[in-house]
Amino acid sequence: MAWLTGAVLALGGHAAAQQLRLPPDMAYTKAEGSPGKVVFSHQFHVAVSEKCTTCHVRLFRMLEPTRQVTHADMEAGKSCGACHNGQMAFGPTEAAGCSRCHVGEGKSS
């Protein structure tokens, strides 16, 4: 997997992040009662924090399928909620943040 080359290294600058071959957007299965499926963009998140180690391996393991992420986990500060806590990034209970992750019915990535 070419995109993993150097991925676990803390990137030294934005130019290094641009050279990294990131995986495509990841779509999570829409849960019952959800306003829409969630789409995760590595490209967007690397632009915010150029360190792959911000999430890998502390929160998510590479080369393993990502388990289902739940709102309860996020509200407890797990998975995405480690950063999306209302302080570092918008929180999981902020209504204005819903459409930033949930793409809604009929929309694609």
C-alpha atoms as a PDB file:
ATOM      1  CA  MET A   1       0.000   0.000   0.000  1.00  0.00           C
ATOM      2  CA  ALA A   2       1.830   3.017  -1.328  1.00  0.00           C
ATOM      3  CA  TRP A   3      -0.164   5.487   0.776  1.00  0.00           C
ATOM      4  CA  LEU A   4       1.339   3.973   3.921  1.00  0.00           C
ATOM      5  CA  THR A   5       4.863   4.940   2.952  1.00  0.00           C
ATOM      6  CA  GLY A   6       5.959   7.164   5.780  1.00  0.00           C
ATOM      7  CA  ALA A   7       2.401   7.489   7.072  1.00  0.00           C
ATOM      8  CA  VAL A   8       3.231   6.767  10.687  1.00  0.00           C
ATOM      9  CA  LEU A   9       5.947   9.395  10.708  1.00  0.00           C
ATOM     10  CA  ALA A  10       5.113  12.757  12.170  1.00  0.00           C
ATOM     11  CA  LEU A  11       5.155  14.913   9.058  1.00  0.00           C
ATOM     12  CA  GLY A  12       7.439  17.904   9.257  1.00  0.00           C
ATOM     13  CA  GLY A  13       5.519  20.324   7.066  1.00  0.00           C
ATOM     14  CA  HIS A  14       2.585  20.856   4.747  1.00  0.00           C
ATOM     15  CA  ALA A  15       4.723  20.019   1.693  1.00  0.00           C
ATOM     16  CA  ALA A  16       5.379  16.576   3.174  1.00  0.00           C
ATOM     17  CA  ALA A  17       1.651  16.101   3.761  1.00  0.00           C
ATOM     18  CA  GLN A  18       0.939  16.942   0.125  1.00  0.00           C
ATOM     19  CA  GLN A  19       3.429  14.295  -1.023  1.00  0.00           C
ATOM     20  CA  LEU A  20       1.824  11.576   1.102  1.00  0.00           C
ATOM     21  CA  ARG A  21      -0.555   9.412  -0.908  1.00  0.00           C
ATOM     22  CA  LEU A  22      -3.610   9.410   1.304  1.00  0.00           C
ATOM     23  CA  PRO A  23      -6.365   6.810   1.153  1.00  0.00           C
ATOM     24  CA  PRO A  24      -9.690   7.802  -0.434  1.00  0.00           C
ATOM     25  CA  ASP A  25     -12.578   9.138   1.624  1.00  0.00           C
ATOM     26  CA  MET A  26     -14.105   6.503   3.884  1.00  0.00           C
ATOM     27  CA  ALA A  27     -17.891   6.172   4.085  1.00  0.00           C
ATOM     28  CA  TYR A  28     -19.318   4.657   7.246  1.00  0.00           C
ATOM     29  CA  THR A  29     -22.580   2.744   7.150  1.00  0.00           C
ATOM     30  CA  LYS A  30     -25.577   4.879   8.074  1.00  0.00           C
ATOM     31  CA  ALA A  31     -26.861   3.881  11.500  1.00  0.00           C
ATOM     32  CA  GLU A  32     -30.554   3.700  12.293  1.00  0.00           C
ATOM     33  CA  GLY A  33     -31.862   7.156  13.205  1.00  0.00           C
ATOM     34  CA  SER A  34     -28.803   8.847  11.713  1.00  0.00           C
ATOM     35  CA  PRO A  35     -29.276  11.958   9.539  1.00  0.00           C
ATOM     36  CA  GLY A  36     -27.008  10.369   6.916  1.00  0.00           C
ATOM     37  CA  LYS A  37     -23.901   8.336   6.362  1.00  0.00           C
ATOM     38  CA  VAL A  38     -20.624   9.716   7.670  1.00  0.00           C
ATOM     39  CA  VAL A  39     -17.771  10.338   5.270  1.00  0.00           C
ATOM     40  CA  PHE A  40     -14.239  10.711   6.659  1.00  0.00           C
ATOM     41  CA  SER A  41     -11.645  12.616   4.625  1.00  0.00           C
ATOM     42  CA  HIS A  42      -7.972  11.916   5.348  1.00  0.00           C
ATOM     43  CA  GLN A  43      -7.075  14.843   3.070  1.00  0.00           C
ATOM     44  CA  PHE A  44      -9.083  17.318   5.166  1.00  0.00           C
ATOM     45  CA  HIS A  45      -7.795  16.005   8.498  1.00  0.00           C
ATOM     46  CA  VAL A  46      -4.137  15.956   7.366  1.00  0.00           C
ATOM     47  CA  ALA A  47      -4.535  19.616   6.376  1.00  0.00           C
ATOM     48  CA  VAL A  48      -5.600  20.355   9.980  1.00  0.00           C
ATOM     49  CA  SER A  49      -3.021  18.174  11.721  1.00  0.00           C
ATOM     50  CA  GLU A  50      -0.092  17.020   9.639  1.00  0.00           C
ATOM     51  CA  LYS A  51       0.788  14.301  12.125  1.00  0.00           C
ATOM     52  CA  CYS A  52      -0.648  10.904  11.190  1.00  0.00           C
ATOM     53  CA  THR A  53       0.108   9.865  14.765  1.00  0.00           C
ATOM     54  CA  THR A  54      -2.609  12.220  16.026  1.00  0.00           C
ATOM     55  CA  CYS A  55      -5.049   9.402  15.226  1.00  0.00           C
ATOM     56  CA  HIS A  56      -2.827   6.460  14.290  1.00  0.00           C
ATOM     57  CA  VAL A  57      -2.202   4.254  16.318  1.00  0.00           C
ATOM     58  CA  ARG A  58      -3.638   5.792  19.456  1.00  0.00           C
ATOM     59  CA  LEU A  59      -7.246   5.896  18.198  1.00  0.00           C
ATOM     60  CA  PHE A  60      -7.289   3.919  14.969  1.00  0.00           C
ATOM     61  CA  ARG A  61      -4.996   1.109  13.828  1.00  0.00           C
ATOM     62  CA  MET A  62      -3.639   1.072  10.302  1.00  0.00           C
ATOM     63  CA  LEU A  63      -4.188  -1.924   8.043  1.00  0.00           C
ATOM     64  CA  GLU A  64      -7.216  -3.028  10.046  1.00  0.00           C
ATOM     65  CA  PRO A  65     -10.830  -2.270   9.192  1.00  0.00           C
ATOM     66  CA  THR A  66     -12.142   0.584  11.300  1.00  0.00           C
ATOM     67  CA  ARG A  67     -14.761  -0.624  13.698  1.00  0.00           C
ATOM     68  CA  GLN A  68     -18.146   1.021  13.837  1.00  0.00           C
ATOM     69  CA  VAL A  69     -17.907   4.459  15.428  1.00  0.00           C
ATOM     70  CA  THR A  70     -20.894   5.383  17.582  1.00  0.00           C
ATOM     71  CA  HIS A  71     -22.145   8.682  18.943  1.00  0.00           C
ATOM     72  CA  ALA A  72     -21.935   7.227  22.447  1.00  0.00           C
ATOM     73  CA  ASP A  73     -18.213   6.543  21.886  1.00  0.00           C
ATOM     74  CA  MET A  74     -17.639  10.068  20.596  1.00  0.00           C
ATOM     75  CA  GLU A  75     -19.534  11.641  23.493  1.00  0.00           C
ATOM     76  CA  ALA A  76     -17.298   9.609  25.840  1.00  0.00           C
ATOM     77  CA  GLY A  77     -14.181  11.041  24.160  1.00  0.00           C
ATOM     78  CA  LYS A  78     -13.362   7.870  22.230  1.00  0.00           C
ATOM     79  CA  SER A  79     -12.611   7.495  18.517  1.00  0.00           C
ATOM     80  CA  CYS A  80     -13.444  10.757  16.695  1.00  0.00           C
ATOM     81  CA  GLY A  81     -14.591  12.262  20.009  1.00  0.00           C
ATOM     82  CA  ALA A  82     -10.988  12.461  21.221  1.00  0.00           C
ATOM     83  CA  CYS A  83     -10.675  15.633  19.116  1.00  0.00           C
ATOM     84  CA  HIS A  84     -14.319  16.360  18.274  1.00  0.00           C
ATOM     85  CA  ASN A  85     -15.066  17.344  21.858  1.00  0.00           C
ATOM     86  CA  GLY A  86     -16.285  20.930  21.464  1.00  0.00           C
ATOM     87  CA  GLN A  87     -12.855  22.327  22.355  1.00  0.00           C
ATOM     88  CA  MET A  88     -10.328  21.021  19.830  1.00  0.00           C
ATOM     89  CA  ALA A  89     -12.976  20.661  17.113  1.00  0.00           C
ATOM     90  CA  PHE A  90     -16.761  20.838  16.955  1.00  0.00           C
ATOM     91  CA  GLY A  91     -18.397  18.339  19.291  1.00  0.00           C
ATOM     92  CA  PRO A  92     -20.740  15.434  18.537  1.00  0.00           C
ATOM     93  CA  THR A  93     -23.716  17.134  20.196  1.00  0.00           C
ATOM     94  CA  GLU A  94     -23.423  20.473  18.371  1.00  0.00           C
ATOM     95  CA  ALA A  95     -26.329  20.662  15.911  1.00  0.00           C
ATOM     96  CA  ALA A  96     -24.382  22.902  13.533  1.00  0.00           C
ATOM     97  CA  GLY A  97     -21.715  20.208  13.228  1.00  0.00           C
ATOM     98  CA  CYS A  98     -24.026  17.395  12.075  1.00  0.00           C
ATOM     99  CA  SER A  99     -23.860  18.185   8.365  1.00  0.00           C
ATOM    100  CA  ARG A 100     -20.076  18.451   8.480  1.00  0.00           C
ATOM    101  CA  CYS A 101     -19.840  14.667   8.920  1.00  0.00           C
ATOM    102  CA  HIS A 102     -23.275  13.342   7.988  1.00  0.00           C
ATOM    103  CA  VAL A 103     -23.738  13.831   4.266  1.00  0.00           C
ATOM    104  CA  GLY A 104     -27.472  13.095   4.279  1.00  0.00           C
ATOM    105  CA  GLU A 105     -29.658  10.951   2.102  1.00  0.00           C
ATOM    106  CA  GLY A 106     -29.090  11.058  -1.618  1.00  0.00           C
ATOM    107  CA  LYS A 107     -25.692  12.730  -1.331  1.00  0.00           C
ATOM    108  CA  SER A 108     -22.445  11.001  -2.105  1.00  0.00           C
ATOM    109  CA  SER A 109     -19.062  11.517  -0.516  1.00  0.00           C
END
